[in-house]
């Protein structure tokens, strides 16, 4: 297995989108409209079922008044090493 493939299996991405939406009293629909996607896209990103493009991540971070680094949390699964 290539190093990038191994690394990919060891990293889990969590987002703070739901938490930050609550801070600014935004629904998934409202955030989706601000960034030009469907509500389901926001739902899938929040659940970790979809990794957004860098441009979409930037737009979401900007809409939620934060940085991409603060929006996404990368966690390594230490038990799988």
Protein backbone atom coordinates (compact mmCIF):
# COMPACT_ATOMS: atom_id res chain seq x y z
CA UNK A 1 0.00 0.00 0.00
CA UNK A 2 1.33 3.44 -0.92
CA UNK A 3 2.10 5.88 1.89
CA UNK A 4 -0.70 8.28 0.85
CA UNK A 5 -3.20 5.40 0.89
CA UNK A 6 -2.06 4.31 4.34
CA UNK A 7 -2.21 7.88 5.61
CA UNK A 8 -5.70 8.26 4.19
CA UNK A 9 -7.00 5.28 6.16
CA UNK A 10 -5.54 6.66 9.38
CA UNK A 11 -7.14 10.10 9.23
CA UNK A 12 -10.69 10.98 10.17
CA UNK A 13 -12.09 14.40 9.39
CA UNK A 14 -14.53 16.09 11.71
CA UNK A 15 -16.05 19.48 11.13
CA UNK A 16 -17.25 22.25 13.39
CA UNK A 17 -19.83 23.41 10.86
CA UNK A 18 -22.85 22.47 12.98
CA UNK A 19 -21.37 24.14 16.06
CA UNK A 20 -20.54 27.33 14.16
CA UNK A 21 -23.92 27.39 12.40
CA UNK A 22 -25.55 27.36 15.83
CA UNK A 23 -23.33 30.23 16.97
CA UNK A 24 -24.58 32.37 14.08
CA UNK A 25 -28.14 30.96 14.19
CA UNK A 26 -27.92 29.58 10.65
CA UNK A 27 -29.81 26.59 9.32
CA UNK A 28 -28.22 24.17 6.87
CA UNK A 29 -30.41 25.73 4.17
CA UNK A 30 -29.24 29.27 4.97
CA UNK A 31 -25.58 28.28 4.97
CA UNK A 32 -26.06 26.36 1.73
CA UNK A 33 -27.55 29.45 0.06
CA UNK A 34 -24.64 31.61 1.28
CA UNK A 35 -22.07 29.29 -0.30
CA UNK A 36 -24.06 28.25 -3.38
CA UNK A 37 -24.73 24.56 -2.71
CA UNK A 38 -27.70 22.40 -1.79
CA UNK A 39 -28.68 21.81 1.84
CA UNK A 40 -27.83 18.13 1.43
CA UNK A 41 -24.23 19.04 0.64
CA UNK A 42 -23.91 20.80 4.00
CA UNK A 43 -25.57 17.81 5.69
CA UNK A 44 -23.14 15.35 4.07
CA UNK A 45 -20.13 17.49 5.02
CA UNK A 46 -21.33 17.78 8.62
CA UNK A 47 -21.80 14.00 8.86
CA UNK A 48 -18.37 13.35 7.37
CA UNK A 49 -19.82 11.65 4.28
CA UNK A 50 -18.39 14.20 1.85
CA UNK A 51 -15.11 16.08 1.71
CA UNK A 52 -15.60 19.51 0.14
CA UNK A 53 -13.30 21.03 -2.43
CA UNK A 54 -10.82 23.58 -1.17
CA UNK A 55 -12.89 26.37 -2.72
CA UNK A 56 -16.08 25.18 -0.99
CA UNK A 57 -14.22 24.77 2.32
CA UNK A 58 -12.95 28.34 1.95
CA UNK A 59 -16.45 29.65 1.22
CA UNK A 60 -17.94 27.82 4.21
CA UNK A 61 -15.18 29.09 6.50
CA UNK A 62 -15.72 32.63 5.27
CA UNK A 63 -19.51 32.38 5.76
CA UNK A 64 -18.94 31.11 9.31
CA UNK A 65 -16.29 33.78 10.05
CA UNK A 66 -13.51 31.32 10.72
CA UNK A 67 -10.55 29.69 9.00
CA UNK A 68 -10.37 26.36 7.21
CA UNK A 69 -7.98 25.17 9.93
CA UNK A 70 -10.57 25.93 12.61
CA UNK A 71 -13.42 24.47 10.59
CA UNK A 72 -11.96 21.02 9.94
CA UNK A 73 -10.33 18.76 12.53
CA UNK A 74 -8.14 15.94 11.30
CA UNK A 75 -7.83 13.06 13.76
CA UNK A 76 -5.51 10.13 13.32
CA UNK A 77 -6.80 6.71 14.28
CA UNK A 78 -3.87 5.69 16.49
CA UNK A 79 -5.31 2.23 17.11
CA UNK A 80 -4.84 1.27 13.45
CA UNK A 81 -1.09 1.92 13.30
